[in-house]
PDB file of N, CA and C in Angstrom:
ATOM      1  N   MET A   1       0.755  -1.034   0.007  1.00  0.00           N
ATOM      2  CA  MET A   1       0.037  -0.031   0.008  1.00  0.00           C
ATOM      3  C   MET A   1       0.913   1.211  -0.030  1.00  0.00           C
ATOM      4  N   GLN A   2       0.436   2.063  -0.822  1.00  0.00           N
ATOM      5  CA  GLN A   2       1.214   3.503  -1.087  1.00  0.00           C
ATOM      6  C   GLN A   2       0.641   4.598  -0.463  1.00  0.00           C
ATOM      7  N   TYR A   3       1.207   5.530   0.227  1.00  0.00           N
ATOM      8  CA  TYR A   3       0.592   6.639   0.834  1.00  0.00           C
ATOM      9  C   TYR A   3       1.131   7.839   0.020  1.00  0.00           C
ATOM     10  N   THR A   4       0.114   8.794  -0.176  1.00  0.00           N
ATOM     11  CA  THR A   4       0.541   9.929  -0.727  1.00  0.00           C
ATOM     12  C   THR A   4       0.232  11.067   0.243  1.00  0.00           C
ATOM     13  N   TYR A   5       1.221  11.816   0.453  1.00  0.00           N
ATOM     14  CA  TYR A   5       0.999  12.914   1.220  1.00  0.00           C
ATOM     15  C   TYR A   5       1.142  14.338   0.619  1.00  0.00           C
ATOM     16  N   LYS A   6       0.364  15.293   0.999  1.00  0.00           N
ATOM     17  CA  LYS A   6       0.426  16.390   0.342  1.00  0.00           C
ATOM     18  C   LYS A   6       0.846  17.523   1.478  1.00  0.00           C
ATOM     19  N   THR A   7       1.746  18.277   1.050  1.00  0.00           N
ATOM     20  CA  THR A   7       2.351  19.138   2.067  1.00  0.00           C
ATOM     21  C   THR A   7       1.593  20.504   1.896  1.00  0.00           C
ATOM     22  N   TYR A   8       1.250  21.388   2.892  1.00  0.00           N
ATOM     23  CA  TYR A   8       0.509  22.472   2.970  1.00  0.00           C
ATOM     24  C   TYR A   8       1.478  23.768   3.385  1.00  0.00           C
ATOM     25  N   SER A   9       1.199  24.586   2.599  1.00  0.00           N
ATOM     26  CA  SER A   9       2.022  25.728   3.052  1.00  0.00           C
ATOM     27  C   SER A   9       0.972  26.881   3.699  1.00  0.00           C
ATOM     28  N   ARG A  10       1.420  27.922   4.299  1.00  0.00           N
ATOM     29  CA  ARG A  10       0.306  28.879   4.876  1.00  0.00           C
ATOM     30  C   ARG A  10      -0.366  29.564   3.818  1.00  0.00           C
ATOM     31  N   PHE A  11       0.074  29.677   2.479  1.00  0.00           N
ATOM     32  CA  PHE A  11      -0.647  30.007   1.470  1.00  0.00           C
ATOM     33  C   PHE A  11      -1.787  29.182   1.075  1.00  0.00           C
ATOM     34  N   ASP A  12      -1.923  27.926   1.186  1.00  0.00           N
ATOM     35  CA  ASP A  12      -3.127  27.227   1.032  1.00  0.00           C
ATOM     36  C   ASP A  12      -4.300  27.542   1.792  1.00  0.00           C
ATOM     37  N   ALA A  13      -4.233  27.956   2.982  1.00  0.00           N
ATOM     38  CA  ALA A  13      -5.292  28.393   3.811  1.00  0.00           C
ATOM     39  C   ALA A  13      -5.725  29.593   3.536  1.00  0.00           C
ATOM     40  N   VAL A  14      -4.764  30.733   3.318  1.00  0.00           N
ATOM     41  CA  VAL A  14      -5.358  31.959   3.277  1.00  0.00           C
ATOM     42  C   VAL A  14      -5.442  32.386   1.777  1.00  0.00           C
ATOM     43  N   ASN A  15      -4.837  31.702   0.742  1.00  0.00           N
ATOM     44  CA  ASN A  15      -5.280  32.167  -0.667  1.00  0.00           C
ATOM     45  C   ASN A  15      -6.644  31.617  -1.033  1.00  0.00           C
ATOM     46  N   GLN A  16      -7.549  32.187  -0.342  1.00  0.00           N
ATOM     47  CA  GLN A  16      -8.996  31.621  -0.540  1.00  0.00           C
ATOM     48  C   GLN A  16      -9.637  33.166  -0.703  1.00  0.00           C
ATOM     49  N   THR A  17     -10.613  33.039  -1.531  1.00  0.00           N
ATOM     50  CA  THR A  17     -11.613  34.297  -1.567  1.00  0.00           C
ATOM     51  C   THR A  17     -12.402  34.330  -0.220  1.00  0.00           C
ATOM     52  N   MET A  18     -12.364  35.502   0.377  1.00  0.00           N
ATOM     53  CA  MET A  18     -13.263  35.448   1.570  1.00  0.00           C
ATOM     54  C   MET A  18     -14.900  35.142   1.293  1.00  0.00           C
ATOM     55  N   ARG A  19     -15.252  34.606   2.287  1.00  0.00           N
ATOM     56  CA  ARG A  19     -16.653  34.080   2.214  1.00  0.00           C
ATOM     57  C   ARG A  19     -17.850  35.056   2.521  1.00  0.00           C
ATOM     58  N   CYS A  20     -17.299  36.225   3.054  1.00  0.00           N
ATOM     59  CA  CYS A  20     -18.327  37.055   3.471  1.00  0.00           C
ATOM     60  C   CYS A  20     -18.630  38.106   2.450  1.00  0.00           C
ATOM     61  N   SER A  21     -19.771  38.829   2.744  1.00  0.00           N
ATOM     62  CA  SER A  21     -20.303  39.834   1.769  1.00  0.00           C
ATOM     63  C   SER A  21     -19.004  40.660   1.312  1.00  0.00           C
ATOM     64  N   ARG A  22     -18.873  40.864   0.042  1.00  0.00           N
ATOM     65  CA  ARG A  22     -17.785  41.651  -0.500  1.00  0.00           C
ATOM     66  C   ARG A  22     -18.102  43.278  -0.010  1.00  0.00           C
ATOM     67  N   ARG A  23     -19.461  43.682  -0.314  1.00  0.00           N
ATOM     68  CA  ARG A  23     -19.650  44.978   0.082  1.00  0.00           C
ATOM     69  C   ARG A  23     -19.338  45.593   1.605  1.00  0.00           C
ATOM     70  N   VAL A  24     -19.675  44.430   2.383  1.00  0.00           N
ATOM     71  CA  VAL A  24     -19.640  44.560   3.842  1.00  0.00           C
ATOM     72  C   VAL A  24     -18.065  44.695   4.100  1.00  0.00           C
ATOM     73  N   ILE A  25     -17.393  43.618   3.479  1.00  0.00           N
ATOM     74  CA  ILE A  25     -15.873  43.709   3.789  1.00  0.00           C
ATOM     75  C   ILE A  25     -14.979  44.780   3.162  1.00  0.00           C
ATOM     76  N   ARG A  26     -15.337  45.290   2.218  1.00  0.00           N
ATOM     77  CA  ARG A  26     -14.857  46.450   1.579  1.00  0.00           C
ATOM     78  C   ARG A  26     -14.939  47.651   2.528  1.00  0.00           C
ATOM     79  N   ASP A  27     -16.370  47.948   2.816  1.00  0.00           N
ATOM     80  CA  ASP A  27     -16.749  49.076   3.563  1.00  0.00           C
ATOM     81  C   ASP A  27     -15.901  48.987   5.080  1.00  0.00           C
ATOM     82  N   LEU A  28     -15.795  47.633   5.729  1.00  0.00           N
ATOM     83  CA  LEU A  28     -15.163  47.535   6.947  1.00  0.00           C
ATOM     84  C   LEU A  28     -13.633  47.862   6.680  1.00  0.00           C
ATOM     85  N   LEU A  29     -13.072  47.309   5.582  1.00  0.00           N
ATOM     86  CA  LEU A  29     -11.528  47.545   5.336  1.00  0.00           C
ATOM     87  C   LEU A  29     -11.320  49.233   5.275  1.00  0.00           C
ATOM     88  N   LEU A  30     -12.305  49.688   4.481  1.00  0.00           N
ATOM     89  CA  LEU A  30     -12.044  51.112   3.955  1.00  0.00           C
ATOM     90  C   LEU A  30     -12.157  52.040   5.418  1.00  0.00           C
ATOM     91  N   GLN A  31     -12.892  51.566   6.471  1.00  0.00           N
ATOM     92  CA  GLN A  31     -13.226  52.287   7.575  1.00  0.00           C
ATOM     93  C   GLN A  31     -11.992  52.054   8.393  1.00  0.00           C
ATOM     94  N   GLN A  32     -11.372  50.834   8.517  1.00  0.00           N
ATOM     95  CA  GLN A  32     -10.476  50.625   9.457  1.00  0.00           C
ATOM     96  C   GLN A  32      -8.955  50.881   9.087  1.00  0.00           C
ATOM     97  N   TRP A  33      -8.831  50.726   7.746  1.00  0.00           N
ATOM     98  CA  TRP A  33      -7.604  51.161   6.965  1.00  0.00           C
ATOM     99  C   TRP A  33      -7.790  52.134   6.146  1.00  0.00           C
ATOM    100  N   LYS A  34      -7.419  53.438   6.580  1.00  0.00           N
ATOM    101  CA  LYS A  34      -7.791  54.641   5.674  1.00  0.00           C
ATOM    102  C   LYS A  34      -6.707  54.757   4.565  1.00  0.00           C
ATOM    103  N   ARG A  35      -5.648  54.040   4.520  1.00  0.00           N
ATOM    104  CA  ARG A  35      -4.711  54.165   3.438  1.00  0.00           C
ATOM    105  C   ARG A  35      -5.221  53.162   2.172  1.00  0.00           C
ATOM    106  N   LEU A  36      -6.203  52.518   2.306  1.00  0.00           N
ATOM    107  CA  LEU A  36      -6.390  51.545   1.278  1.00  0.00           C
ATOM    108  C   LEU A  36      -7.476  52.300   0.515  1.00  0.00           C
ATOM    109  N   THR A  37      -7.588  51.987  -0.723  1.00  0.00           N
ATOM    110  CA  THR A  37      -8.510  52.398  -1.724  1.00  0.00           C
ATOM    111  C   THR A  37      -9.507  51.496  -2.141  1.00  0.00           C
ATOM    112  N   PRO A  38     -10.842  51.857  -2.537  1.00  0.00           N
ATOM    113  CA  PRO A  38     -11.620  50.668  -3.116  1.00  0.00           C
ATOM    114  C   PRO A  38     -11.116  49.930  -4.181  1.00  0.00           C
ATOM    115  N   LYS A  39     -10.415  50.719  -5.138  1.00  0.00           N
ATOM    116  CA  LYS A  39      -9.937  50.026  -6.338  1.00  0.00           C
ATOM    117  C   LYS A  39      -8.878  49.008  -5.945  1.00  0.00           C
ATOM    118  N   GLU A  40      -8.056  49.294  -4.921  1.00  0.00           N
ATOM    119  CA  GLU A  40      -6.969  48.323  -4.421  1.00  0.00           C
ATOM    120  C   GLU A  40      -7.542  47.065  -3.790  1.00  0.00           C
ATOM    121  N   ILE A  41      -8.584  47.283  -2.940  1.00  0.00           N
ATOM    122  CA  ILE A  41      -9.453  46.129  -2.365  1.00  0.00           C
ATOM    123  C   ILE A  41     -10.130  45.316  -3.444  1.00  0.00           C
ATOM    124  N   ASP A  42     -10.650  45.929  -4.481  1.00  0.00           N
ATOM    125  CA  ASP A  42     -11.126  45.188  -5.626  1.00  0.00           C
ATOM    126  C   ASP A  42     -10.213  44.608  -6.326  1.00  0.00           C
ATOM    127  N   GLU A  43      -9.005  45.078  -6.527  1.00  0.00           N
ATOM    128  CA  GLU A  43      -7.988  44.369  -7.225  1.00  0.00           C
ATOM    129  C   GLU A  43      -7.595  43.021  -6.862  1.00  0.00           C
ATOM    130  N   THR A  44      -7.768  42.790  -5.454  1.00  0.00           N
ATOM    131  CA  THR A  44      -7.378  41.716  -4.660  1.00  0.00           C
ATOM    132  C   THR A  44      -8.278  40.529  -5.043  1.00  0.00           C
ATOM    133  N   ASN A  45      -9.354  40.835  -5.554  1.00  0.00           N
ATOM    134  CA  ASN A  45     -10.390  39.851  -5.850  1.00  0.00           C
ATOM    135  C   ASN A  45     -10.986  39.383  -4.508  1.00  0.00           C
ATOM    136  N   PHE A  46     -10.634  39.996  -3.428  1.00  0.00           N
ATOM    137  CA  PHE A  46     -11.048  39.527  -2.244  1.00  0.00           C
ATOM    138  C   PHE A  46     -10.463  38.327  -1.591  1.00  0.00           C
ATOM    139  N   SER A  47      -9.045  38.083  -1.984  1.00  0.00           N
ATOM    140  CA  SER A  47      -8.113  37.013  -1.644  1.00  0.00           C
ATOM    141  C   SER A  47      -7.653  37.487  -0.260  1.00  0.00           C
ATOM    142  N   LYS A  48      -7.850  36.562   0.726  1.00  0.00           N
ATOM    143  CA  LYS A  48      -7.269  36.883   1.957  1.00  0.00           C
ATOM    144  C   LYS A  48      -5.772  37.094   1.954  1.00  0.00           C
ATOM    145  N   LEU A  49      -5.127  36.382   1.305  1.00  0.00           N
ATOM    146  CA  LEU A  49      -3.559  36.632   1.028  1.00  0.00           C
ATOM    147  C   LEU A  49      -3.233  37.813   0.304  1.00  0.00           C
ATOM    148  N   LYS A  50      -3.887  38.089  -0.701  1.00  0.00           N
ATOM    149  CA  LYS A  50      -3.592  39.447  -1.410  1.00  0.00           C
ATOM    150  C   LYS A  50      -3.942  40.556  -0.410  1.00  0.00           C
ATOM    151  N   ILE A  51      -5.164  40.510   0.195  1.00  0.00           N
ATOM    152  CA  ILE A  51      -5.597  41.678   1.126  1.00  0.00           C
ATOM    153  C   ILE A  51      -4.449  41.811   2.147  1.00  0.00           C
ATOM    154  N   ALA A  52      -3.999  40.690   2.791  1.00  0.00           N
ATOM    155  CA  ALA A  52      -2.961  40.700   3.879  1.00  0.00           C
ATOM    156  C   ALA A  52      -1.779  41.398   3.341  1.00  0.00           C
ATOM    157  N   LEU A  53      -1.414  40.947   2.147  1.00  0.00           N
ATOM    158  CA  LEU A  53      -0.173  41.631   1.643  1.00  0.00           C
ATOM    159  C   LEU A  53      -0.431  43.030   1.259  1.00  0.00           C
ATOM    160  N   LEU A  54      -1.541  43.365   0.791  1.00  0.00           N
ATOM    161  CA  LEU A  54      -1.782  45.001   0.690  1.00  0.00           C
ATOM    162  C   LEU A  54      -1.599  45.737   1.970  1.00  0.00           C
ATOM    163  N   ILE A  55      -2.284  45.249   3.093  1.00  0.00           N
ATOM    164  CA  ILE A  55      -2.173  46.000   4.152  1.00  0.00           C
ATOM    165  C   ILE A  55      -0.754  45.877   4.872  1.00  0.00           C
ATOM    166  N   GLU A  56      -0.092  44.772   4.650  1.00  0.00           N
ATOM    167  CA  GLU A  56       1.421  44.876   4.965  1.00  0.00           C
ATOM    168  C   GLU A  56       2.223  45.877   4.094  1.00  0.00           C
ATOM    169  N   ARG A  57       1.914  46.103   2.933  1.00  0.00           N
ATOM    170  CA  ARG A  57       2.770  47.020   2.185  1.00  0.00           C
ATOM    171  C   ARG A  57       2.346  48.419   2.446  1.00  0.00           C
ATOM    172  N   LYS A  58       1.183  48.652   2.769  1.00  0.00           N
ATOM    173  CA  LYS A  58       0.614  50.055   3.153  1.00  0.00           C
ATOM    174  C   LYS A  58       1.044  50.343   4.502  1.00  0.00           C
ATOM    175  N   TYR A  59       0.859  49.402   5.458  1.00  0.00           N
ATOM    176  CA  TYR A  59       1.089  49.767   6.870  1.00  0.00           C
ATOM    177  C   TYR A  59       2.436  49.133   7.690  1.00  0.00           C
ATOM    178  N   GLY A  60       2.813  48.333   7.008  1.00  0.00           N
ATOM    179  CA  GLY A  60       4.103  47.741   7.420  1.00  0.00           C
ATOM    180  C   GLY A  60       3.857  46.630   8.749  1.00  0.00           C
ATOM    181  N   ILE A  61       2.595  46.217   8.633  1.00  0.00           N
ATOM    182  CA  ILE A  61       2.102  45.098   9.694  1.00  0.00           C
ATOM    183  C   ILE A  61       2.131  43.745   8.929  1.00  0.00           C
ATOM    184  N   HIS A  62       2.827  42.805   9.518  1.00  0.00           N
ATOM    185  CA  HIS A  62       3.391  41.676   8.903  1.00  0.00           C
ATOM    186  C   HIS A  62       2.103  40.768   8.517  1.00  0.00           C
ATOM    187  N   SER A  63       2.036  40.394   7.371  1.00  0.00           N
ATOM    188  CA  SER A  63       1.079  39.743   6.795  1.00  0.00           C
ATOM    189  C   SER A  63       0.228  38.505   7.425  1.00  0.00           C
ATOM    190  N   ARG A  64       1.153  37.893   8.367  1.00  0.00           N
ATOM    191  CA  ARG A  64       0.645  36.770   9.154  1.00  0.00           C
ATOM    192  C   ARG A  64      -0.487  37.452   9.998  1.00  0.00           C
ATOM    193  N   LEU A  65      -0.230  38.524  10.819  1.00  0.00           N
ATOM    194  CA  LEU A  65      -1.121  39.334  11.583  1.00  0.00           C
ATOM    195  C   LEU A  65      -2.291  39.679  10.927  1.00  0.00           C
ATOM    196  N   THR A  66      -2.219  40.075   9.773  1.00  0.00           N
ATOM    197  CA  THR A  66      -3.277  40.620   9.025  1.00  0.00           C
ATOM    198  C   THR A  66      -4.278  39.461   8.397  1.00  0.00           C
ATOM    199  N   GLU A  67      -3.478  38.221   8.172  1.00  0.00           N
ATOM    200  CA  GLU A  67      -4.288  37.110   7.736  1.00  0.00           C
ATOM    201  C   GLU A  67      -5.266  36.646   9.024  1.00  0.00           C
ATOM    202  N   ASN A  68      -4.640  36.658  10.218  1.00  0.00           N
ATOM    203  CA  ASN A  68      -5.275  36.310  11.420  1.00  0.00           C
ATOM    204  C   ASN A  68      -6.543  37.261  11.630  1.00  0.00           C
ATOM    205  N   TYR A  69      -6.159  38.585  11.496  1.00  0.00           N
ATOM    206  CA  TYR A  69      -7.352  39.605  11.609  1.00  0.00           C
ATOM    207  C   TYR A  69      -8.639  39.354  10.566  1.00  0.00           C
ATOM    208  N   LEU A  70      -8.198  39.071   9.258  1.00  0.00           N
ATOM    209  CA  LEU A  70      -9.260  38.834   8.197  1.00  0.00           C
ATOM    210  C   LEU A  70      -9.917  37.530   8.490  1.00  0.00           C
ATOM    211  N   SER A  71      -9.199  36.340   8.974  1.00  0.00           N
ATOM    212  CA  SER A  71      -9.833  35.371   9.451  1.00  0.00           C
ATOM    213  C   SER A  71     -11.141  35.419  10.676  1.00  0.00           C
ATOM    214  N   ASN A  72     -10.461  36.447  11.590  1.00  0.00           N
ATOM    215  CA  ASN A  72     -11.460  36.575  12.646  1.00  0.00           C
ATOM    216  C   ASN A  72     -12.739  37.325  12.196  1.00  0.00           C
ATOM    217  N   ILE A  73     -12.363  38.493  11.257  1.00  0.00           N
ATOM    218  CA  ILE A  73     -13.574  39.296  11.074  1.00  0.00           C
ATOM    219  C   ILE A  73     -14.568  38.680   9.957  1.00  0.00           C
ATOM    220  N   GLU A  74     -13.955  37.797   9.284  1.00  0.00           N
ATOM    221  CA  GLU A  74     -14.563  36.735   8.177  1.00  0.00           C
ATOM    222  C   GLU A  74     -15.884  36.075   8.975  1.00  0.00           C
ATOM    223  N   ARG A  75     -15.573  35.632  10.213  1.00  0.00           N
ATOM    224  CA  ARG A  75     -16.356  34.612  11.031  1.00  0.00           C
ATOM    225  C   ARG A  75     -17.352  35.497  11.726  1.00  0.00           C
ATOM    226  N   THR A  76     -17.477  36.837  11.686  1.00  0.00           N
ATOM    227  CA  THR A  76     -18.223  37.592  12.375  1.00  0.00           C
ATOM    228  C   THR A  76     -19.239  38.404  11.181  1.00  0.00           C
ATOM    229  N   LEU A  77     -18.871  38.287  10.034  1.00  0.00           N
ATOM    230  CA  LEU A  77     -19.677  39.098   9.134  1.00  0.00           C
ATOM    231  C   LEU A  77     -20.565  38.109   8.265  1.00  0.00           C
ATOM    232  N   PRO A  78     -21.596  38.739   7.718  1.00  0.00           N
ATOM    233  CA  PRO A  78     -22.557  37.977   6.933  1.00  0.00           C
ATOM    234  C   PRO A  78     -21.888  37.169   5.686  1.00  0.00           C
ATOM    235  N   LEU A  79     -22.435  36.063   5.384  1.00  0.00           N
ATOM    236  CA  LEU A  79     -21.979  35.242   4.314  1.00  0.00           C
ATOM    237  C   LEU A  79     -22.405  36.011   3.057  1.00  0.00           C
ATOM    238  N   ALA A  80     -21.511  35.825   1.936  1.00  0.00           N
ATOM    239  CA  ALA A  80     -21.950  36.190   0.701  1.00  0.00           C
ATOM    240  C   ALA A  80     -23.008  35.833   0.062  1.00  0.00           C
ATOM    241  N   ALA A  81     -23.936  36.453  -0.480  1.00  0.00           N
ATOM    242  CA  ALA A  81     -25.304  35.699  -1.022  1.00  0.00           C
ATOM    243  C   ALA A  81     -25.040  35.090  -2.136  1.00  0.00           C
TER     244      ALA A  81
END
């Protein structure tokens, strides 16, 4: 019997589109992160990884912290319709 193992990187978990309402998450991000623009957020296609990297670039906050932030707020916001 042969086993196949898949290795996971941290990008597998976060390189997903956020499951909450795009309108709600955009409004929240714009409210909390004043240096972000609606166009920049839309260009991420609401990928957790891309949003985290955008916040890291604009604010200097490590992307792992912002990934955690995004996961936490995603759990509290309404799901996308």
